[in-house]
PDB file of N, CA and C in Angstrom:
ATOM      1  N   MET A   1      15.523 -14.293   3.735  1.00  0.00           N
ATOM      2  CA  MET A   1      16.094 -12.856   3.628  1.00  0.00           C
ATOM      3  C   MET A   1      17.715 -12.720   3.574  1.00  0.00           C
ATOM      4  N   LEU A   2      18.200 -12.121   2.722  1.00  0.00           N
ATOM      5  CA  LEU A   2      19.597 -12.192   2.769  1.00  0.00           C
ATOM      6  C   LEU A   2      20.307 -11.173   3.512  1.00  0.00           C
ATOM      7  N   LEU A   3      21.452 -11.560   4.025  1.00  0.00           N
ATOM      8  CA  LEU A   3      22.120 -10.468   5.048  1.00  0.00           C
ATOM      9  C   LEU A   3      22.748  -9.534   4.307  1.00  0.00           C
ATOM     10  N   LYS A   4      22.576  -8.173   4.629  1.00  0.00           N
ATOM     11  CA  LYS A   4      23.272  -7.115   3.961  1.00  0.00           C
ATOM     12  C   LYS A   4      24.545  -7.201   4.614  1.00  0.00           C
ATOM     13  N   ASP A   5      25.741  -7.721   4.499  1.00  0.00           N
ATOM     14  CA  ASP A   5      27.154  -7.410   5.304  1.00  0.00           C
ATOM     15  C   ASP A   5      28.369  -6.865   4.261  1.00  0.00           C
ATOM     16  N   LYS A   6      27.697  -6.385   3.231  1.00  0.00           N
ATOM     17  CA  LYS A   6      28.983  -5.156   2.191  1.00  0.00           C
ATOM     18  C   LYS A   6      28.520  -3.866   2.549  1.00  0.00           C
ATOM     19  N   THR A   7      29.704  -3.136   2.750  1.00  0.00           N
ATOM     20  CA  THR A   7      29.387  -1.862   2.305  1.00  0.00           C
ATOM     21  C   THR A   7      29.973  -1.368   1.090  1.00  0.00           C
ATOM     22  N   PHE A   8      29.248  -0.700   0.872  1.00  0.00           N
ATOM     23  CA  PHE A   8      29.873   0.110  -0.618  1.00  0.00           C
ATOM     24  C   PHE A   8      29.406   1.463  -0.433  1.00  0.00           C
ATOM     25  N   ALA A   9      30.574   2.436  -0.813  1.00  0.00           N
ATOM     26  CA  ALA A   9      30.398   3.772  -0.530  1.00  0.00           C
ATOM     27  C   ALA A   9      30.695   4.518  -2.041  1.00  0.00           C
ATOM     28  N   PHE A  10      30.100   5.428  -2.088  1.00  0.00           N
ATOM     29  CA  PHE A  10      30.400   6.135  -3.602  1.00  0.00           C
ATOM     30  C   PHE A  10      30.209   7.666  -3.313  1.00  0.00           C
ATOM     31  N   ARG A  11      30.631   8.398  -4.193  1.00  0.00           N
ATOM     32  CA  ARG A  11      30.567  10.043  -4.322  1.00  0.00           C
ATOM     33  C   ARG A  11      29.535  10.351  -5.308  1.00  0.00           C
ATOM     34  N   ILE A  12      28.795  11.292  -5.042  1.00  0.00           N
ATOM     35  CA  ILE A  12      27.449  11.904  -5.677  1.00  0.00           C
ATOM     36  C   ILE A  12      27.303  13.352  -5.449  1.00  0.00           C
ATOM     37  N   SER A  13      26.691  13.842  -6.149  1.00  0.00           N
ATOM     38  CA  SER A  13      26.929  15.596  -6.293  1.00  0.00           C
ATOM     39  C   SER A  13      25.495  15.584  -5.073  1.00  0.00           C
ATOM     40  N   GLU A  14      25.273  16.900  -4.375  1.00  0.00           N
ATOM     41  CA  GLU A  14      24.605  17.536  -3.732  1.00  0.00           C
ATOM     42  C   GLU A  14      22.976  16.972  -4.611  1.00  0.00           C
ATOM     43  N   ALA A  15      22.913  18.016  -5.499  1.00  0.00           N
ATOM     44  CA  ALA A  15      21.428  17.435  -6.101  1.00  0.00           C
ATOM     45  C   ALA A  15      21.460  16.080  -6.125  1.00  0.00           C
ATOM     46  N   ASP A  16      22.170  15.055  -6.788  1.00  0.00           N
ATOM     47  CA  ASP A  16      21.488  13.738  -6.926  1.00  0.00           C
ATOM     48  C   ASP A  16      21.800  13.210  -5.593  1.00  0.00           C
ATOM     49  N   TYR A  17      22.447  13.618  -4.371  1.00  0.00           N
ATOM     50  CA  TYR A  17      22.212  13.079  -3.322  1.00  0.00           C
ATOM     51  C   TYR A  17      20.417  13.445  -2.872  1.00  0.00           C
ATOM     52  N   LEU A  18      20.134  14.756  -3.147  1.00  0.00           N
ATOM     53  CA  LEU A  18      18.930  15.292  -2.490  1.00  0.00           C
ATOM     54  C   LEU A  18      17.613  14.587  -3.223  1.00  0.00           C
ATOM     55  N   LEU A  19      17.802  14.222  -4.749  1.00  0.00           N
ATOM     56  CA  LEU A  19      17.084  13.506  -5.592  1.00  0.00           C
ATOM     57  C   LEU A  19      17.024  12.171  -4.983  1.00  0.00           C
ATOM     58  N   LEU A  20      17.815  11.450  -4.546  1.00  0.00           N
ATOM     59  CA  LEU A  20      17.925  10.016  -4.484  1.00  0.00           C
ATOM     60  C   LEU A  20      16.907  10.285  -2.731  1.00  0.00           C
ATOM     61  N   LYS A  21      17.170  11.148  -2.418  1.00  0.00           N
ATOM     62  CA  LYS A  21      16.839  11.197  -0.646  1.00  0.00           C
ATOM     63  C   LYS A  21      15.530  11.336  -0.847  1.00  0.00           C
ATOM     64  N   SER A  22      14.866  11.985  -1.857  1.00  0.00           N
ATOM     65  CA  SER A  22      13.680  12.819  -1.977  1.00  0.00           C
ATOM     66  C   SER A  22      12.475  11.456  -2.869  1.00  0.00           C
ATOM     67  N   LYS A  23      13.126  10.930  -3.581  1.00  0.00           N
ATOM     68  CA  LYS A  23      12.652   9.647  -4.450  1.00  0.00           C
ATOM     69  C   LYS A  23      12.731   8.403  -3.107  1.00  0.00           C
ATOM     70  N   ALA A  24      13.360   8.005  -2.343  1.00  0.00           N
ATOM     71  CA  ALA A  24      13.256   6.777  -1.291  1.00  0.00           C
ATOM     72  C   ALA A  24      12.292   7.586  -0.240  1.00  0.00           C
ATOM     73  N   ALA A  25      12.415   8.614  -0.330  1.00  0.00           N
ATOM     74  CA  ALA A  25      10.956   9.262   1.005  1.00  0.00           C
ATOM     75  C   ALA A  25       9.617   9.057   0.439  1.00  0.00           C
ATOM     76  N   ALA A  26       9.513   9.246  -0.932  1.00  0.00           N
ATOM     77  CA  ALA A  26       8.149   9.367  -1.838  1.00  0.00           C
ATOM     78  C   ALA A  26       7.981   7.718  -1.760  1.00  0.00           C
ATOM     79  N   ALA A  27       9.306   6.901  -1.729  1.00  0.00           N
ATOM     80  CA  ALA A  27       8.613   5.446  -2.002  1.00  0.00           C
ATOM     81  C   ALA A  27       8.381   4.844  -0.503  1.00  0.00           C
ATOM     82  N   GLN A  28       8.662   5.480   0.052  1.00  0.00           N
ATOM     83  CA  GLN A  28       9.054   5.066   1.652  1.00  0.00           C
ATOM     84  C   GLN A  28       9.739   3.540   1.903  1.00  0.00           C
ATOM     85  N   ILE A  29      10.818   3.877   1.354  1.00  0.00           N
ATOM     86  CA  ILE A  29      11.930   3.059   1.564  1.00  0.00           C
ATOM     87  C   ILE A  29      12.787   3.406   1.722  1.00  0.00           C
ATOM     88  N   THR A  30      14.556   2.715   1.919  1.00  0.00           N
ATOM     89  CA  THR A  30      15.436   3.540   2.470  1.00  0.00           C
ATOM     90  C   THR A  30      16.279   3.882   1.238  1.00  0.00           C
ATOM     91  N   MET A  31      17.257   4.539   1.411  1.00  0.00           N
ATOM     92  CA  MET A  31      17.965   4.977   0.176  1.00  0.00           C
ATOM     93  C   MET A  31      18.692   3.671  -0.514  1.00  0.00           C
ATOM     94  N   THR A  32      19.196   2.965   0.276  1.00  0.00           N
ATOM     95  CA  THR A  32      19.908   1.777  -0.112  1.00  0.00           C
ATOM     96  C   THR A  32      18.872   0.843  -0.794  1.00  0.00           C
ATOM     97  N   ASP A  33      17.862   0.584  -0.352  1.00  0.00           N
ATOM     98  CA  ASP A  33      16.944  -0.371  -1.277  1.00  0.00           C
ATOM     99  C   ASP A  33      16.198   0.258  -2.161  1.00  0.00           C
ATOM    100  N   LEU A  34      16.299   1.902  -2.498  1.00  0.00           N
ATOM    101  CA  LEU A  34      16.023   2.528  -3.885  1.00  0.00           C
ATOM    102  C   LEU A  34      17.151   2.146  -4.697  1.00  0.00           C
ATOM    103  N   ILE A  35      18.280   2.338  -4.335  1.00  0.00           N
ATOM    104  CA  ILE A  35      19.507   2.078  -5.469  1.00  0.00           C
ATOM    105  C   ILE A  35      19.302   0.853  -5.900  1.00  0.00           C
ATOM    106  N   ILE A  36      18.888  -0.455  -4.768  1.00  0.00           N
ATOM    107  CA  ILE A  36      19.111  -1.658  -5.222  1.00  0.00           C
ATOM    108  C   ILE A  36      18.161  -1.909  -5.973  1.00  0.00           C
ATOM    109  N   ARG A  37      17.033  -1.699  -6.144  1.00  0.00           N
ATOM    110  CA  ARG A  37      16.112  -1.713  -6.620  1.00  0.00           C
ATOM    111  C   ARG A  37      16.088  -1.034  -8.076  1.00  0.00           C
ATOM    112  N   ALA A  38      16.714  -0.123  -7.935  1.00  0.00           N
ATOM    113  CA  ALA A  38      16.884   0.962  -9.527  1.00  0.00           C
ATOM    114  C   ALA A  38      17.621  -0.528 -10.242  1.00  0.00           C
ATOM    115  N   VAL A  39      19.231  -0.589  -9.759  1.00  0.00           N
ATOM    116  CA  VAL A  39      19.905  -1.164 -10.029  1.00  0.00           C
ATOM    117  C   VAL A  39      19.676  -2.693 -10.800  1.00  0.00           C
ATOM    118  N   THR A  40      18.873  -3.302 -10.011  1.00  0.00           N
ATOM    119  CA  THR A  40      18.293  -4.515 -10.395  1.00  0.00           C
ATOM    120  C   THR A  40      17.260  -4.799 -11.387  1.00  0.00           C
ATOM    121  N   GLY A  41      16.486  -3.372 -11.439  1.00  0.00           N
ATOM    122  CA  GLY A  41      15.623  -3.461 -12.427  1.00  0.00           C
ATOM    123  C   GLY A  41      14.258  -3.699 -12.223  1.00  0.00           C
ATOM    124  N   LYS A  42      14.019  -3.808 -10.690  1.00  0.00           N
ATOM    125  CA  LYS A  42      12.727  -3.828  -9.970  1.00  0.00           C
ATOM    126  C   LYS A  42      11.935  -2.770 -10.028  1.00  0.00           C
ATOM    127  N   LYS A  43      10.486  -3.066 -10.421  1.00  0.00           N
ATOM    128  CA  LYS A  43       9.781  -1.902 -10.382  1.00  0.00           C
ATOM    129  C   LYS A  43       9.949  -1.173  -9.002  1.00  0.00           C
ATOM    130  N   ILE A  44      10.061   0.137  -9.071  1.00  0.00           N
ATOM    131  CA  ILE A  44       9.294   1.193  -7.848  1.00  0.00           C
ATOM    132  C   ILE A  44       8.053   1.568  -8.032  1.00  0.00           C
ATOM    133  N   VAL A  45       7.273   1.679  -7.584  1.00  0.00           N
ATOM    134  CA  VAL A  45       5.696   2.520  -7.645  1.00  0.00           C
ATOM    135  C   VAL A  45       5.722   3.117  -6.275  1.00  0.00           C
ATOM    136  N   VAL A  46       5.098   4.201  -6.579  1.00  0.00           N
ATOM    137  CA  VAL A  46       4.554   4.982  -5.741  1.00  0.00           C
ATOM    138  C   VAL A  46       3.161   5.262  -5.976  1.00  0.00           C
ATOM    139  N   ILE A  47       2.123   5.353  -5.233  1.00  0.00           N
ATOM    140  CA  ILE A  47       0.928   5.695  -5.588  1.00  0.00           C
ATOM    141  C   ILE A  47       0.465   6.850  -4.495  1.00  0.00           C
ATOM    142  N   GLU A  48       0.352   7.702  -4.868  1.00  0.00           N
ATOM    143  CA  GLU A  48      -0.224   9.046  -4.117  1.00  0.00           C
ATOM    144  C   GLU A  48      -1.695   8.889  -3.697  1.00  0.00           C
ATOM    145  N   GLY A  49      -2.282   9.169  -2.755  1.00  0.00           N
ATOM    146  CA  GLY A  49      -3.590   8.994  -2.189  1.00  0.00           C
ATOM    147  C   GLY A  49      -3.864   7.538  -1.588  1.00  0.00           C
ATOM    148  N   LEU A  50      -3.277   6.503  -1.444  1.00  0.00           N
ATOM    149  CA  LEU A  50      -3.795   4.976  -1.352  1.00  0.00           C
ATOM    150  C   LEU A  50      -3.666   5.200   0.364  1.00  0.00           C
ATOM    151  N   LYS A  51      -3.490   6.038   0.899  1.00  0.00           N
ATOM    152  CA  LYS A  51      -3.628   5.948   2.793  1.00  0.00           C
ATOM    153  C   LYS A  51      -4.912   5.966   3.175  1.00  0.00           C
ATOM    154  N   GLU A  52      -5.570   7.090   2.243  1.00  0.00           N
ATOM    155  CA  GLU A  52      -7.044   7.167   2.799  1.00  0.00           C
ATOM    156  C   GLU A  52      -7.861   6.187   2.078  1.00  0.00           C
ATOM    157  N   VAL A  53      -7.284   5.502   1.019  1.00  0.00           N
ATOM    158  CA  VAL A  53      -8.148   4.188   0.620  1.00  0.00           C
ATOM    159  C   VAL A  53      -8.077   3.202   1.370  1.00  0.00           C
ATOM    160  N   LEU A  54      -6.954   2.995   1.877  1.00  0.00           N
ATOM    161  CA  LEU A  54      -6.505   1.916   2.454  1.00  0.00           C
ATOM    162  C   LEU A  54      -7.240   2.043   4.142  1.00  0.00           C
ATOM    163  N   ALA A  55      -7.455   2.954   4.418  1.00  0.00           N
ATOM    164  CA  ALA A  55      -8.316   3.717   5.940  1.00  0.00           C
ATOM    165  C   ALA A  55     -10.004   3.098   5.362  1.00  0.00           C
ATOM    166  N   GLU A  56     -10.572   3.719   4.422  1.00  0.00           N
ATOM    167  CA  GLU A  56     -11.822   3.007   4.151  1.00  0.00           C
ATOM    168  C   GLU A  56     -11.605   1.400   3.929  1.00  0.00           C
ATOM    169  N   LEU A  57     -10.694   0.701   3.381  1.00  0.00           N
ATOM    170  CA  LEU A  57     -10.927  -0.980   3.373  1.00  0.00           C
ATOM    171  C   LEU A  57     -10.374  -1.409   4.870  1.00  0.00           C
ATOM    172  N   LYS A  58      -9.939  -0.847   5.635  1.00  0.00           N
ATOM    173  CA  LYS A  58      -9.808  -1.205   6.944  1.00  0.00           C
ATOM    174  C   LYS A  58     -11.014  -1.282   7.548  1.00  0.00           C
ATOM    175  N   SER A  59     -11.852  -0.023   7.452  1.00  0.00           N
ATOM    176  CA  SER A  59     -13.137   0.079   8.164  1.00  0.00           C
ATOM    177  C   SER A  59     -13.985  -1.014   7.726  1.00  0.00           C
ATOM    178  N   ILE A  60     -14.240  -1.218   6.344  1.00  0.00           N
ATOM    179  CA  ILE A  60     -14.861  -2.356   5.750  1.00  0.00           C
ATOM    180  C   ILE A  60     -14.859  -3.319   6.674  1.00  0.00           C
ATOM    181  N   GLY A  61     -13.381  -4.234   6.584  1.00  0.00           N
ATOM    182  CA  GLY A  61     -12.688  -5.041   7.264  1.00  0.00           C
ATOM    183  C   GLY A  61     -13.079  -5.239   8.883  1.00  0.00           C
ATOM    184  N   ARG A  62     -13.212  -4.145   9.276  1.00  0.00           N
ATOM    185  CA  ARG A  62     -13.598  -4.405  10.882  1.00  0.00           C
ATOM    186  C   ARG A  62     -15.393  -4.177  10.873  1.00  0.00           C
ATOM    187  N   ASN A  63     -15.799  -4.006   9.948  1.00  0.00           N
ATOM    188  CA  ASN A  63     -17.585  -4.034  10.173  1.00  0.00           C
ATOM    189  C   ASN A  63     -17.785  -5.541   9.624  1.00  0.00           C
ATOM    190  N   LEU A  64     -16.685  -6.190   8.853  1.00  0.00           N
ATOM    191  CA  LEU A  64     -17.287  -7.479   8.678  1.00  0.00           C
ATOM    192  C   LEU A  64     -16.369  -8.763   9.586  1.00  0.00           C
ATOM    193  N   ASN A  65     -15.381  -8.107  10.553  1.00  0.00           N
ATOM    194  CA  ASN A  65     -14.947  -9.224  11.422  1.00  0.00           C
ATOM    195  C   ASN A  65     -16.196  -8.772  12.691  1.00  0.00           C
ATOM    196  N   GLN A  66     -16.948  -7.863  12.690  1.00  0.00           N
ATOM    197  CA  GLN A  66     -17.775  -7.317  13.926  1.00  0.00           C
ATOM    198  C   GLN A  66     -19.306  -8.431  13.505  1.00  0.00           C
ATOM    199  N   LEU A  67     -19.588  -8.297  12.372  1.00  0.00           N
ATOM    200  CA  LEU A  67     -20.741  -9.235  11.773  1.00  0.00           C
ATOM    201  C   LEU A  67     -20.374 -10.529  11.926  1.00  0.00           C
ATOM    202  N   THR A  68     -19.117 -10.871  11.660  1.00  0.00           N
ATOM    203  CA  THR A  68     -18.887 -12.479  11.643  1.00  0.00           C
ATOM    204  C   THR A  68     -19.138 -12.978  13.297  1.00  0.00           C
ATOM    205  N   THR A  69     -18.147 -12.032  14.071  1.00  0.00           N
ATOM    206  CA  THR A  69     -18.437 -12.589  15.362  1.00  0.00           C
ATOM    207  C   THR A  69     -19.830 -12.571  15.843  1.00  0.00           C
ATOM    208  N   LEU A  70     -20.587 -11.725  15.600  1.00  0.00           N
ATOM    209  CA  LEU A  70     -21.891 -11.470  15.956  1.00  0.00           C
ATOM    210  C   LEU A  70     -22.785 -12.941  15.200  1.00  0.00           C
ATOM    211  N   CYS A  71     -22.441 -13.295  14.135  1.00  0.00           N
ATOM    212  CA  CYS A  71     -22.655 -14.448  13.827  1.00  0.00           C
ATOM    213  C   CYS A  71     -22.535 -15.428  14.610  1.00  0.00           C
ATOM    214  N   ASN A  72     -20.997 -15.534  14.755  1.00  0.00           N
ATOM    215  CA  ASN A  72     -20.815 -16.796  15.749  1.00  0.00           C
ATOM    216  C   ASN A  72     -21.038 -16.976  17.436  1.00  0.00           C
ATOM    217  N   MET A  73     -21.664 -15.837  17.286  1.00  0.00           N
ATOM    218  CA  MET A  73     -22.078 -15.939  19.001  1.00  0.00           C
ATOM    219  C   MET A  73     -23.776 -16.292  18.862  1.00  0.00           C
ATOM    220  N   GLY A  74     -24.153 -16.169  17.647  1.00  0.00           N
ATOM    221  CA  GLY A  74     -26.126 -16.516  17.463  1.00  0.00           C
ATOM    222  C   GLY A  74     -26.603 -15.308  17.821  1.00  0.00           C
ATOM    223  N   ARG A  75     -26.357 -13.908  17.680  1.00  0.00           N
ATOM    224  CA  ARG A  75     -26.807 -13.329  17.920  1.00  0.00           C
ATOM    225  C   ARG A  75     -27.566 -12.713  16.480  1.00  0.00           C
ATOM    226  N   ILE A  76     -26.986 -13.262  15.419  1.00  0.00           N
ATOM    227  CA  ILE A  76     -27.392 -12.700  13.949  1.00  0.00           C
ATOM    228  C   ILE A  76     -27.552 -13.732  13.299  1.00  0.00           C
ATOM    229  N   THR A  77     -28.772 -14.197  12.383  1.00  0.00           N
ATOM    230  CA  THR A  77     -28.672 -15.259  11.537  1.00  0.00           C
ATOM    231  C   THR A  77     -28.576 -15.094  10.459  1.00  0.00           C
ATOM    232  N   SER A  78     -29.079 -14.328   9.837  1.00  0.00           N
ATOM    233  CA  SER A  78     -29.175 -13.671   8.278  1.00  0.00           C
ATOM    234  C   SER A  78     -28.262 -12.248   8.070  1.00  0.00           C
ATOM    235  N   LEU A  79     -27.565 -12.132   7.235  1.00  0.00           N
ATOM    236  CA  LEU A  79     -27.345 -11.119   7.126  1.00  0.00           C
ATOM    237  C   LEU A  79     -27.266 -10.507   5.442  1.00  0.00           C
ATOM    238  N   ARG A  80     -27.640  -9.256   5.049  1.00  0.00           N
ATOM    239  CA  ARG A  80     -27.617  -8.901   3.729  1.00  0.00           C
ATOM    240  C   ARG A  80     -26.025  -8.124   3.810  1.00  0.00           C
ATOM    241  N   LEU A  81     -25.699  -8.372   2.578  1.00  0.00           N
ATOM    242  CA  LEU A  81     -24.319  -7.543   2.350  1.00  0.00           C
ATOM    243  C   LEU A  81     -24.047  -6.719   1.132  1.00  0.00           C
ATOM    244  N   ASP A  82     -25.385  -6.441   0.839  1.00  0.00           N
ATOM    245  CA  ASP A  82     -25.296  -5.999  -0.414  1.00  0.00           C
ATOM    246  C   ASP A  82     -24.575  -4.265  -0.122  1.00  0.00           C
ATOM    247  N   ASP A  83     -24.816  -3.649   0.673  1.00  0.00           N
ATOM    248  CA  ASP A  83     -23.754  -2.505   0.915  1.00  0.00           C
ATOM    249  C   ASP A  83     -22.450  -2.795   1.549  1.00  0.00           C
ATOM    250  N   VAL A  84     -21.997  -3.578   1.978  1.00  0.00           N
ATOM    251  CA  VAL A  84     -20.649  -3.877   2.417  1.00  0.00           C
ATOM    252  C   VAL A  84     -20.218  -4.635   0.537  1.00  0.00           C
ATOM    253  N   LYS A  85     -21.019  -4.898   0.105  1.00  0.00           N
ATOM    254  CA  LYS A  85     -20.469  -5.310  -1.801  1.00  0.00           C
ATOM    255  C   LYS A  85     -20.299  -3.915  -2.277  1.00  0.00           C
ATOM    256  N   GLN A  86     -20.928  -3.330  -2.519  1.00  0.00           N
ATOM    257  CA  GLN A  86     -21.234  -1.968  -2.892  1.00  0.00           C
ATOM    258  C   GLN A  86     -19.765  -1.193  -2.059  1.00  0.00           C
ATOM    259  N   ASP A  87     -19.570  -0.932  -1.028  1.00  0.00           N
ATOM    260  CA  ASP A  87     -18.737   0.007  -0.541  1.00  0.00           C
ATOM    261  C   ASP A  87     -17.206  -0.950  -1.109  1.00  0.00           C
ATOM    262  N   PHE A  88     -17.289  -2.438  -0.916  1.00  0.00           N
ATOM    263  CA  PHE A  88     -15.912  -2.708  -1.607  1.00  0.00           C
ATOM    264  C   PHE A  88     -15.505  -2.757  -2.915  1.00  0.00           C
ATOM    265  N   ALA A  89     -16.627  -2.392  -3.779  1.00  0.00           N
ATOM    266  CA  ALA A  89     -16.475  -2.222  -4.959  1.00  0.00           C
ATOM    267  C   ALA A  89     -16.234  -0.764  -5.537  1.00  0.00           C
ATOM    268  N   ALA A  90     -16.549   0.397  -4.581  1.00  0.00           N
ATOM    269  CA  ALA A  90     -16.305   1.417  -4.610  1.00  0.00           C
ATOM    270  C   ALA A  90     -14.709   1.809  -4.264  1.00  0.00           C
ATOM    271  N   VAL A  91     -14.468   0.898  -2.998  1.00  0.00           N
ATOM    272  CA  VAL A  91     -12.655   0.878  -2.813  1.00  0.00           C
ATOM    273  C   VAL A  91     -11.977   0.371  -3.711  1.00  0.00           C
ATOM    274  N   LEU A  92     -12.595  -0.702  -4.670  1.00  0.00           N
ATOM    275  CA  LEU A  92     -11.948  -1.166  -5.506  1.00  0.00           C
ATOM    276  C   LEU A  92     -11.629  -0.115  -6.369  1.00  0.00           C
ATOM    277  N   ASP A  93     -12.512   0.281  -7.062  1.00  0.00           N
ATOM    278  CA  ASP A  93     -12.297   1.288  -8.114  1.00  0.00           C
ATOM    279  C   ASP A  93     -11.710   2.499  -8.148  1.00  0.00           C
ATOM    280  N   LYS A  94     -11.665   2.911  -6.451  1.00  0.00           N
ATOM    281  CA  LYS A  94     -10.299   4.052  -6.198  1.00  0.00           C
ATOM    282  C   LYS A  94      -9.169   3.779  -6.632  1.00  0.00           C
ATOM    283  N   ILE A  95      -8.622   2.506  -5.920  1.00  0.00           N
ATOM    284  CA  ILE A  95      -7.527   1.774  -5.771  1.00  0.00           C
ATOM    285  C   ILE A  95      -6.953   1.670  -7.668  1.00  0.00           C
ATOM    286  N   LEU A  96      -8.273   0.779  -8.179  1.00  0.00           N
ATOM    287  CA  LEU A  96      -7.993   0.955  -9.859  1.00  0.00           C
ATOM    288  C   LEU A  96      -7.335   2.448 -10.242  1.00  0.00           C
ATOM    289  N   ALA A  97      -8.179   3.111  -9.984  1.00  0.00           N
ATOM    290  CA  ALA A  97      -8.322   4.483 -10.328  1.00  0.00           C
ATOM    291  C   ALA A  97      -6.310   5.228  -9.821  1.00  0.00           C
ATOM    292  N   LEU A  98      -6.250   4.993  -8.622  1.00  0.00           N
ATOM    293  CA  LEU A  98      -5.036   5.688  -8.475  1.00  0.00           C
ATOM    294  C   LEU A  98      -3.994   4.910  -9.126  1.00  0.00           C
ATOM    295  N   THR A  99      -3.951   3.838  -9.488  1.00  0.00           N
ATOM    296  CA  THR A  99      -2.952   2.865  -9.935  1.00  0.00           C
ATOM    297  C   THR A  99      -3.158   3.101 -11.202  1.00  0.00           C
ATOM    298  N   GLY A 100      -3.941   3.831 -12.126  1.00  0.00           N
ATOM    299  CA  GLY A 100      -3.917   3.753 -13.620  1.00  0.00           C
ATOM    300  C   GLY A 100      -4.651   2.665 -14.115  1.00  0.00           C
ATOM    301  N   GLU A 101      -5.207   1.788 -13.316  1.00  0.00           N
ATOM    302  CA  GLU A 101      -5.804   0.414 -14.051  1.00  0.00           C
ATOM    303  C   GLU A 101      -6.886   0.989 -15.107  1.00  0.00           C
ATOM    304  N   ARG A 102      -7.622   1.992 -13.974  1.00  0.00           N
ATOM    305  CA  ARG A 102      -8.865   2.114 -14.482  1.00  0.00           C
ATOM    306  C   ARG A 102      -9.121   3.286 -13.665  1.00  0.00           C
ATOM    307  N   GLY A 103     -10.297   4.125 -14.909  1.00  0.00           N
ATOM    308  CA  GLY A 103     -10.629   5.680 -14.739  1.00  0.00           C
ATOM    309  C   GLY A 103     -10.003   6.225 -15.217  1.00  0.00           C
TER     310      GLY A 103
END
């Protein structure tokens, strides 16, 4: 990671300041990072609704971890993961729909 050791100040209108501030908040990054990404041509992507989908994905992951633990303990010897595969596919479809890749 590069050390940010230079200060750069500039003047902008109140309207432009509020616009930068709202865009940075929407992207969940600092205003500095927003400006640097914009100037260097890096893509800034904001995906609405991703928080809920990630919660579903974490839930699936927890379930898989619990099943793995039970298998390693010898308490489960065989699994049918059809439901897990369907749940994961549904989450993937939601993510692709949110990103505009599908649906």
